[in-house]
Each structure stands twice: as structure tokens, then as C-alpha cells.
Amino acid sequence: MQIDHLRVQSKDLGQGKAALTEEVDELRTQNKQLDQKVFQQEKQINALQVRADALQQQLADKEEVSKKTTDLLESAKLHNEEVDESLKMYRDNHARLQQKLELSISEINKIVEEKQLQREEALLELKSTKGDIRKREEHIATLKVRNDQGILCCR
């Protein structure tokens, strides 16, 4: 009976061993599948990490370009303000110089008119003086003629 019992027990243990062996084989197959799945997922994670790093670098580059563009824009605005200020100063200076020029032209024209009047007066005076001189010369000539005639007469 003990032998039968041991045989039954051995048979049960053999069946249990076969079931456990089959279960171990299934678990090994599942383990291989899980290892492959883990490998694929790690591969995907690495690819996604590389993509995330590349996108992060692109973002950093774009932020740098944006900052440089903003700096250039600000610099251009400041330059435009300086140019506008210079242009305003130039226009103000031009207007002031234009006023001075117009005033100078006006003063020069007044002086020219004055000098023309003085010249005309001087010419009139010169004509008058020439007329007076001519009359005096004629008078002197007449006096000379008379004097000459008187000297001739009295001799």
C-alpha cells in the first residue's frame, strides 16, 4: 500500500511537474515577449527623447533668434528715433537759416536800394556840378573875352 501510495504520489508529482514545466515554458515565452516589448518601448523612449531634445534645441534656437530679432528691432527703433531727431534738428536749423537768409537778403536789398538812391543823387549832383562848372567856365570865358576886348580897347 505504501508503494501504491508512493506510486500515486509519484504520478501526481509527475503530473504536477509537467504542469509546472508547461507553466514555466509559458512564463518564459511571456517573459521573452515582455522583454521584446520592453526593448521596443525603450527604443521608442530613446527615439522620443532624441526628438524631444531636438525640439528643445529648436525651441532654444528660435528663442535666441527671437531675442536677437527683438534686440535688432529695438536698436532699429532707437536708430530711427535718433534719425528723426537729427532730421527735426536739421529742419529746424534749415528753417532758422532760411529766415536769416531772407532777413539778410532783405537787408542787402535795402542797402542796395539806398546805395542806388545815393548813386542817383550823386549822379544828379555830379550833373548839376558839371552844369555849374560849364556855366562858370562859360562865364570865365566870357569874362576873358571881355577882358581881352577891354585890354585891346584900352590900349
N, C-alpha and C. Protein backbone atom coordinates (compact mmCIF):
# COMPACT_ATOMS: atom_id res chain seq x y z
N MET A 1 0.78 -1.14 0.00
CA MET A 1 0.00 0.00 0.00
C MET A 1 0.86 1.26 0.00
N GLN A 2 1.83 1.19 0.68
CA GLN A 2 2.72 2.32 0.67
C GLN A 2 3.34 2.49 -0.71
N ILE A 3 3.62 1.46 -1.34
CA ILE A 3 4.20 1.54 -2.66
C ILE A 3 3.14 2.13 -3.59
N ASP A 4 1.92 1.67 -3.45
CA ASP A 4 0.86 2.21 -4.29
C ASP A 4 0.68 3.70 -3.99
N HIS A 5 0.72 3.95 -2.73
CA HIS A 5 0.55 5.33 -2.32
C HIS A 5 1.71 6.17 -2.88
N LEU A 6 2.91 5.66 -2.83
CA LEU A 6 4.07 6.38 -3.34
C LEU A 6 3.98 6.50 -4.86
N ARG A 7 3.45 5.44 -5.51
CA ARG A 7 3.30 5.49 -6.95
C ARG A 7 2.28 6.56 -7.33
N VAL A 8 1.17 6.57 -6.61
CA VAL A 8 0.13 7.56 -6.87
C VAL A 8 0.73 8.95 -6.63
N GLN A 9 1.45 9.05 -5.55
CA GLN A 9 2.05 10.33 -5.20
C GLN A 9 3.08 10.71 -6.27
N SER A 10 3.85 9.73 -6.76
CA SER A 10 4.85 9.98 -7.78
C SER A 10 4.17 10.41 -9.07
N LYS A 11 3.06 9.73 -9.39
CA LYS A 11 2.32 10.06 -10.59
C LYS A 11 1.77 11.48 -10.47
N ASP A 12 1.21 11.79 -9.29
CA ASP A 12 0.67 13.13 -9.06
C ASP A 12 1.78 14.18 -9.16
N LEU A 13 2.90 13.84 -8.59
CA LEU A 13 4.04 14.77 -8.63
C LEU A 13 4.52 14.93 -10.07
N GLY A 14 4.52 13.86 -10.86
CA GLY A 14 4.93 13.92 -12.26
C GLY A 14 3.99 14.81 -13.04
N GLN A 15 2.67 14.62 -12.75
CA GLN A 15 1.70 15.45 -13.43
C GLN A 15 1.86 16.92 -13.02
N GLY A 16 2.11 17.11 -11.74
CA GLY A 16 2.33 18.47 -11.23
C GLY A 16 3.57 19.09 -11.85
N LYS A 17 4.62 18.20 -11.99
CA LYS A 17 5.87 18.68 -12.58
C LYS A 17 5.61 19.08 -14.02
N ALA A 18 4.87 18.25 -14.77
CA ALA A 18 4.58 18.52 -16.17
C ALA A 18 3.78 19.83 -16.28
N ALA A 19 2.81 19.99 -15.38
CA ALA A 19 2.00 21.21 -15.40
C ALA A 19 2.87 22.42 -15.09
N LEU A 20 3.75 22.23 -14.09
CA LEU A 20 4.64 23.35 -13.71
C LEU A 20 5.64 23.64 -14.83
N THR A 21 6.14 22.59 -15.50
CA THR A 21 7.07 22.77 -16.60
C THR A 21 6.38 23.53 -17.73
N GLU A 22 5.14 23.12 -18.01
CA GLU A 22 4.37 23.81 -19.04
C GLU A 22 4.14 25.27 -18.64
N GLU A 23 3.83 25.48 -17.37
CA GLU A 23 3.60 26.84 -16.87
C GLU A 23 4.89 27.65 -16.96
N VAL A 24 6.03 27.02 -16.62
CA VAL A 24 7.32 27.70 -16.70
C VAL A 24 7.61 28.07 -18.15
N ASP A 25 7.33 27.13 -19.09
CA ASP A 25 7.56 27.41 -20.51
C ASP A 25 6.69 28.60 -20.95
N GLU A 26 5.43 28.60 -20.52
CA GLU A 26 4.54 29.71 -20.86
C GLU A 26 5.06 31.02 -20.27
N LEU A 27 5.51 30.94 -19.02
CA LEU A 27 6.05 32.14 -18.37
C LEU A 27 7.32 32.62 -19.07
N ARG A 28 8.16 31.66 -19.51
CA ARG A 28 9.37 32.04 -20.24
C ARG A 28 8.99 32.73 -21.56
N THR A 29 7.98 32.16 -22.25
CA THR A 29 7.52 32.76 -23.50
C THR A 29 6.98 34.16 -23.23
N GLN A 30 6.17 34.28 -22.18
CA GLN A 30 5.64 35.59 -21.80
C GLN A 30 6.77 36.55 -21.44
N ASN A 31 7.77 36.02 -20.73
CA ASN A 31 8.92 36.83 -20.31
C ASN A 31 9.67 37.34 -21.55
N LYS A 32 9.89 36.44 -22.56
CA LYS A 32 10.55 36.86 -23.79
C LYS A 32 9.73 37.94 -24.49
N GLN A 33 8.41 37.72 -24.54
CA GLN A 33 7.54 38.71 -25.18
C GLN A 33 7.62 40.05 -24.44
N LEU A 34 7.60 39.95 -23.10
CA LEU A 34 7.70 41.18 -22.30
C LEU A 34 9.06 41.85 -22.49
N ASP A 35 10.14 41.03 -22.58
CA ASP A 35 11.47 41.59 -22.83
C ASP A 35 11.51 42.31 -24.18
N GLN A 36 10.90 41.68 -25.20
CA GLN A 36 10.84 42.31 -26.51
C GLN A 36 10.02 43.61 -26.45
N LYS A 37 8.91 43.54 -25.73
CA LYS A 37 8.06 44.72 -25.59
C LYS A 37 8.82 45.84 -24.87
N VAL A 38 9.55 45.47 -23.80
CA VAL A 38 10.36 46.45 -23.06
C VAL A 38 11.43 47.03 -23.98
N PHE A 39 12.08 46.16 -24.77
CA PHE A 39 13.11 46.63 -25.69
C PHE A 39 12.52 47.62 -26.70
N GLN A 40 11.37 47.26 -27.29
CA GLN A 40 10.71 48.15 -28.25
C GLN A 40 10.31 49.47 -27.59
N GLN A 41 9.78 49.38 -26.38
CA GLN A 41 9.37 50.60 -25.68
C GLN A 41 10.57 51.47 -25.32
N GLU A 42 11.68 50.83 -24.90
CA GLU A 42 12.90 51.60 -24.61
C GLU A 42 13.43 52.27 -25.88
N LYS A 43 13.32 51.51 -27.01
CA LYS A 43 13.73 52.07 -28.29
C LYS A 43 12.86 53.29 -28.63
N GLN A 44 11.55 53.15 -28.42
CA GLN A 44 10.65 54.26 -28.68
C GLN A 44 10.94 55.43 -27.73
N ILE A 45 11.20 55.10 -26.47
CA ILE A 45 11.52 56.15 -25.48
C ILE A 45 12.78 56.89 -25.91
N ASN A 46 13.81 56.15 -26.33
CA ASN A 46 15.05 56.78 -26.77
C ASN A 46 14.81 57.66 -28.00
N ALA A 47 14.01 57.14 -28.95
CA ALA A 47 13.71 57.93 -30.15
C ALA A 47 12.94 59.19 -29.76
N LEU A 48 11.97 59.02 -28.86
CA LEU A 48 11.19 60.18 -28.41
C LEU A 48 12.07 61.16 -27.63
N GLN A 49 13.02 60.64 -26.86
CA GLN A 49 13.93 61.51 -26.11
C GLN A 49 14.81 62.31 -27.07
N VAL A 50 15.32 61.62 -28.12
CA VAL A 50 16.13 62.31 -29.13
C VAL A 50 15.30 63.39 -29.80
N ARG A 51 14.05 63.05 -30.16
CA ARG A 51 13.15 64.03 -30.79
C ARG A 51 12.86 65.19 -29.84
N ALA A 52 12.61 64.86 -28.56
CA ALA A 52 12.34 65.91 -27.57
C ALA A 52 13.56 66.81 -27.41
N ASP A 53 14.77 66.22 -27.38
CA ASP A 53 15.99 67.02 -27.28
C ASP A 53 16.15 67.92 -28.51
N ALA A 54 15.87 67.35 -29.70
CA ALA A 54 15.97 68.15 -30.93
C ALA A 54 14.96 69.29 -30.91
N LEU A 55 13.74 68.99 -30.48
CA LEU A 55 12.71 70.04 -30.40
C LEU A 55 13.08 71.09 -29.36
N GLN A 56 13.66 70.64 -28.24
CA GLN A 56 14.09 71.57 -27.20
C GLN A 56 15.18 72.49 -27.75
N GLN A 57 16.12 71.92 -28.53
CA GLN A 57 17.18 72.72 -29.13
C GLN A 57 16.60 73.70 -30.16
N GLN A 58 15.64 73.21 -30.96
CA GLN A 58 14.99 74.11 -31.93
C GLN A 58 14.31 75.26 -31.21
N LEU A 59 13.64 74.93 -30.11
CA LEU A 59 12.96 75.97 -29.34
C LEU A 59 13.97 76.97 -28.80
N ALA A 60 15.09 76.46 -28.26
CA ALA A 60 16.12 77.35 -27.73
C ALA A 60 16.68 78.23 -28.85
N ASP A 61 16.92 77.62 -30.03
CA ASP A 61 17.44 78.38 -31.17
C ASP A 61 16.45 79.45 -31.60
N LYS A 62 15.17 79.07 -31.66
CA LYS A 62 14.15 80.04 -32.07
C LYS A 62 14.01 81.16 -31.05
N GLU A 63 14.13 80.81 -29.77
CA GLU A 63 14.07 81.85 -28.73
C GLU A 63 15.25 82.80 -28.88
N GLU A 64 16.43 82.24 -29.19
CA GLU A 64 17.62 83.08 -29.38
C GLU A 64 17.44 83.99 -30.60
N VAL A 65 16.93 83.42 -31.70
CA VAL A 65 16.67 84.21 -32.90
C VAL A 65 15.64 85.29 -32.60
N SER A 66 14.61 84.91 -31.85
CA SER A 66 13.57 85.87 -31.48
C SER A 66 14.16 87.00 -30.64
N LYS A 67 15.02 86.64 -29.68
CA LYS A 67 15.64 87.66 -28.82
C LYS A 67 16.53 88.58 -29.66
N LYS A 68 17.32 87.98 -30.56
CA LYS A 68 18.19 88.80 -31.41
C LYS A 68 17.36 89.70 -32.32
N THR A 69 16.26 89.15 -32.85
CA THR A 69 15.38 89.95 -33.70
C THR A 69 14.77 91.09 -32.90
N THR A 70 14.34 90.79 -31.68
CA THR A 70 13.78 91.83 -30.81
C THR A 70 14.83 92.89 -30.51
N ASP A 71 16.06 92.45 -30.22
CA ASP A 71 17.14 93.40 -29.96
C ASP A 71 17.41 94.27 -31.19
N LEU A 72 17.45 93.63 -32.37
CA LEU A 72 17.67 94.39 -33.60
C LEU A 72 16.53 95.37 -33.85
N LEU A 73 15.32 94.92 -33.58
CA LEU A 73 14.16 95.80 -33.77
C LEU A 73 14.25 96.99 -32.82
N GLU A 74 14.61 96.74 -31.58
CA GLU A 74 14.74 97.82 -30.60
C GLU A 74 15.86 98.78 -31.03
N SER A 75 16.96 98.19 -31.49
CA SER A 75 18.07 99.02 -31.97
C SER A 75 17.64 99.86 -33.17
N ALA A 76 16.88 99.24 -34.08
CA ALA A 76 16.39 99.98 -35.25
C ALA A 76 15.44 101.09 -34.83
N LYS A 77 14.59 100.82 -33.84
CA LYS A 77 13.68 101.86 -33.34
C LYS A 77 14.47 103.02 -32.76
N LEU A 78 15.49 102.70 -31.95
CA LEU A 78 16.32 103.76 -31.36
C LEU A 78 17.02 104.55 -32.47
N HIS A 79 17.53 103.82 -33.46
CA HIS A 79 18.22 104.49 -34.57
C HIS A 79 17.24 105.40 -35.32
N ASN A 80 16.03 104.90 -35.56
CA ASN A 80 15.01 105.72 -36.24
C ASN A 80 14.68 106.96 -35.42
N GLU A 81 14.59 106.78 -34.10
CA GLU A 81 14.31 107.94 -33.24
C GLU A 81 15.45 108.96 -33.34
N GLU A 82 16.69 108.45 -33.34
CA GLU A 82 17.84 109.35 -33.47
C GLU A 82 17.83 110.05 -34.83
N VAL A 83 17.52 109.29 -35.88
CA VAL A 83 17.46 109.88 -37.23
C VAL A 83 16.34 110.92 -37.29
N ASP A 84 15.18 110.57 -36.70
CA ASP A 84 14.06 111.53 -36.68
C ASP A 84 14.46 112.80 -35.92
N GLU A 85 15.15 112.63 -34.79
CA GLU A 85 15.59 113.79 -34.00
C GLU A 85 16.59 114.62 -34.81
N SER A 86 17.53 113.93 -35.47
CA SER A 86 18.50 114.65 -36.31
C SER A 86 17.81 115.38 -37.45
N LEU A 87 16.83 114.71 -38.06
CA LEU A 87 16.08 115.33 -39.15
C LEU A 87 15.32 116.54 -38.65
N LYS A 88 14.72 116.43 -37.47
CA LYS A 88 13.99 117.56 -36.89
C LYS A 88 14.95 118.72 -36.63
N MET A 89 16.12 118.40 -36.05
CA MET A 89 17.12 119.44 -35.79
C MET A 89 17.57 120.07 -37.11
N TYR A 90 17.78 119.23 -38.13
CA TYR A 90 18.20 119.73 -39.44
C TYR A 90 17.13 120.67 -40.01
N ARG A 91 15.86 120.23 -39.92
CA ARG A 91 14.78 121.05 -40.46
C ARG A 91 14.66 122.36 -39.68
N ASP A 92 14.76 122.28 -38.33
CA ASP A 92 14.71 123.50 -37.53
C ASP A 92 15.85 124.43 -37.90
N ASN A 93 17.05 123.86 -38.02
CA ASN A 93 18.23 124.65 -38.39
C ASN A 93 18.05 125.24 -39.79
N HIS A 94 17.53 124.43 -40.70
CA HIS A 94 17.28 124.91 -42.06
C HIS A 94 16.29 126.07 -42.05
N ALA A 95 15.21 125.93 -41.27
CA ALA A 95 14.20 127.00 -41.19
C ALA A 95 14.82 128.27 -40.61
N ARG A 96 15.64 128.10 -39.55
CA ARG A 96 16.29 129.25 -38.93
C ARG A 96 17.25 129.92 -39.92
N LEU A 97 18.04 129.11 -40.62
CA LEU A 97 18.97 129.66 -41.61
C LEU A 97 18.21 130.31 -42.77
N GLN A 98 17.08 129.71 -43.15
CA GLN A 98 16.26 130.29 -44.22
C GLN A 98 15.76 131.67 -43.80
N GLN A 99 15.31 131.78 -42.53
CA GLN A 99 14.85 133.07 -42.02
C GLN A 99 15.99 134.08 -42.02
N LYS A 100 17.18 133.63 -41.55
CA LYS A 100 18.33 134.53 -41.54
C LYS A 100 18.68 134.96 -42.96
N LEU A 101 18.62 134.00 -43.90
CA LEU A 101 18.93 134.32 -45.29
C LEU A 101 17.94 135.34 -45.84
N GLU A 102 16.66 135.12 -45.57
CA GLU A 102 15.64 136.05 -46.06
C GLU A 102 15.83 137.43 -45.43
N LEU A 103 16.16 137.46 -44.13
CA LEU A 103 16.42 138.74 -43.46
C LEU A 103 17.65 139.41 -44.07
N SER A 104 18.71 138.63 -44.31
CA SER A 104 19.92 139.18 -44.91
C SER A 104 19.64 139.70 -46.31
N ILE A 105 18.86 138.94 -47.09
CA ILE A 105 18.51 139.39 -48.44
C ILE A 105 17.74 140.69 -48.37
N SER A 106 16.80 140.75 -47.43
CA SER A 106 16.00 141.97 -47.26
C SER A 106 16.90 143.14 -46.90
N GLU A 107 17.83 142.92 -45.96
CA GLU A 107 18.75 143.99 -45.56
C GLU A 107 19.65 144.39 -46.72
N ILE A 108 20.15 143.39 -47.45
CA ILE A 108 21.01 143.69 -48.60
C ILE A 108 20.23 144.48 -49.64
N ASN A 109 18.98 144.07 -49.89
CA ASN A 109 18.15 144.80 -50.87
C ASN A 109 17.93 146.24 -50.42
N LYS A 110 17.71 146.44 -49.10
CA LYS A 110 17.54 147.81 -48.58
C LYS A 110 18.82 148.61 -48.81
N ILE A 111 19.96 147.98 -48.50
CA ILE A 111 21.24 148.68 -48.68
C ILE A 111 21.46 148.99 -50.15
N VAL A 112 21.15 148.02 -51.03
CA VAL A 112 21.31 148.23 -52.47
C VAL A 112 20.42 149.38 -52.93
N GLU A 113 19.16 149.39 -52.46
CA GLU A 113 18.25 150.49 -52.82
C GLU A 113 18.81 151.82 -52.33
N GLU A 114 19.30 151.81 -51.08
CA GLU A 114 19.89 153.03 -50.51
C GLU A 114 21.07 153.49 -51.36
N LYS A 115 21.94 152.56 -51.71
CA LYS A 115 23.12 152.90 -52.49
C LYS A 115 22.72 153.38 -53.89
N GLN A 116 21.66 152.75 -54.46
CA GLN A 116 21.20 153.21 -55.77
C GLN A 116 20.67 154.64 -55.67
N LEU A 117 19.91 154.90 -54.59
CA LEU A 117 19.42 156.27 -54.39
C LEU A 117 20.59 157.24 -54.22
N GLN A 118 21.58 156.82 -53.40
CA GLN A 118 22.75 157.67 -53.19
C GLN A 118 23.49 157.88 -54.52
N ARG A 119 23.58 156.83 -55.32
CA ARG A 119 24.26 156.93 -56.62
C ARG A 119 23.51 157.89 -57.53
N GLU A 120 22.16 157.71 -57.55
CA GLU A 120 21.35 158.60 -58.39
C GLU A 120 21.50 160.05 -57.92
N GLU A 121 21.48 160.22 -56.59
CA GLU A 121 21.66 161.58 -56.05
C GLU A 121 23.04 162.11 -56.42
N ALA A 122 24.06 161.23 -56.29
CA ALA A 122 25.42 161.66 -56.63
C ALA A 122 25.52 162.00 -58.12
N LEU A 123 24.85 161.18 -58.97
CA LEU A 123 24.86 161.46 -60.41
C LEU A 123 24.17 162.79 -60.70
N LEU A 124 23.03 163.00 -60.02
CA LEU A 124 22.34 164.28 -60.20
C LEU A 124 23.21 165.44 -59.73
N GLU A 125 23.85 165.24 -58.59
CA GLU A 125 24.74 166.28 -58.06
C GLU A 125 25.91 166.50 -59.01
N LEU A 126 26.43 165.39 -59.55
CA LEU A 126 27.55 165.49 -60.49
C LEU A 126 27.11 166.24 -61.74
N LYS A 127 25.91 165.90 -62.24
CA LYS A 127 25.37 166.62 -63.41
C LYS A 127 25.23 168.10 -63.10
N SER A 128 24.66 168.33 -61.92
CA SER A 128 24.45 169.73 -61.51
C SER A 128 25.79 170.44 -61.40
N THR A 129 26.76 169.76 -60.78
CA THR A 129 28.09 170.35 -60.61
C THR A 129 28.73 170.58 -61.97
N LYS A 130 28.58 169.59 -62.88
CA LYS A 130 29.13 169.75 -64.23
C LYS A 130 28.47 170.94 -64.92
N GLY A 131 27.15 171.04 -64.72
CA GLY A 131 26.43 172.19 -65.31
C GLY A 131 26.95 173.49 -64.73
N ASP A 132 27.13 173.52 -63.40
CA ASP A 132 27.66 174.72 -62.74
C ASP A 132 29.06 175.03 -63.26
N ILE A 133 29.88 174.00 -63.38
CA ILE A 133 31.26 174.20 -63.84
C ILE A 133 31.23 174.72 -65.27
N ARG A 134 30.37 174.11 -66.12
CA ARG A 134 30.27 174.56 -67.50
C ARG A 134 29.84 176.03 -67.54
N LYS A 135 28.84 176.39 -66.71
CA LYS A 135 28.38 177.78 -66.66
C LYS A 135 29.51 178.68 -66.20
N ARG A 136 30.27 178.26 -65.19
CA ARG A 136 31.38 179.08 -64.68
C ARG A 136 32.45 179.22 -65.75
N GLU A 137 32.71 178.07 -66.43
CA GLU A 137 33.71 178.13 -67.49
C GLU A 137 33.25 179.09 -68.59
N GLU A 138 31.94 178.98 -68.92
CA GLU A 138 31.41 179.90 -69.94
C GLU A 138 31.51 181.35 -69.45
N HIS A 139 31.17 181.54 -68.17
CA HIS A 139 31.24 182.87 -67.59
C HIS A 139 32.69 183.37 -67.59
N ILE A 140 33.60 182.46 -67.20
CA ILE A 140 35.02 182.83 -67.18
C ILE A 140 35.48 183.15 -68.61
N ALA A 141 35.03 182.29 -69.54
CA ALA A 141 35.41 182.52 -70.94
C ALA A 141 34.86 183.86 -71.41
N THR A 142 33.61 184.14 -71.03
CA THR A 142 33.01 185.41 -71.41
C THR A 142 33.79 186.55 -70.76
N LEU A 143 34.13 186.40 -69.50
CA LEU A 143 34.90 187.42 -68.80
C LEU A 143 36.27 187.60 -69.45
N LYS A 144 36.87 186.49 -69.86
CA LYS A 144 38.17 186.57 -70.51
C LYS A 144 38.04 187.32 -71.83
N VAL A 145 36.98 186.95 -72.55
CA VAL A 145 36.78 187.61 -73.84
C VAL A 145 36.59 189.10 -73.59
N ARG A 146 35.77 189.42 -72.63
CA ARG A 146 35.53 190.83 -72.32
C ARG A 146 36.83 191.50 -71.85
N ASN A 147 37.52 190.78 -71.02
CA ASN A 147 38.77 191.30 -70.50
C ASN A 147 39.75 191.53 -71.65
N ASP A 148 39.80 190.51 -72.52
CA ASP A 148 40.70 190.63 -73.66
C ASP A 148 40.24 191.80 -74.55
N GLN A 149 38.96 191.92 -74.72
CA GLN A 149 38.43 193.01 -75.55
C GLN A 149 38.69 194.35 -74.85
N GLY A 150 38.54 194.35 -73.55
CA GLY A 150 38.76 195.58 -72.80
C GLY A 150 40.21 195.98 -72.84
N ILE A 151 41.11 195.04 -72.79
CA ILE A 151 42.52 195.33 -72.84
C ILE A 151 42.87 195.83 -74.23
N LEU A 152 42.28 195.27 -75.21
CA LEU A 152 42.54 195.69 -76.58
C LEU A 152 41.98 197.10 -76.82
N CYS A 153 40.83 197.34 -76.24
CA CYS A 153 40.19 198.63 -76.42
C CYS A 153 41.00 199.73 -75.74
N CYS A 154 41.45 199.46 -74.64
CA CYS A 154 42.08 200.48 -73.82
C CYS A 154 43.50 200.72 -74.28
N ARG A 155 44.04 200.12 -75.06
CA ARG A 155 45.41 200.31 -75.46
C ARG A 155 45.51 201.27 -76.50
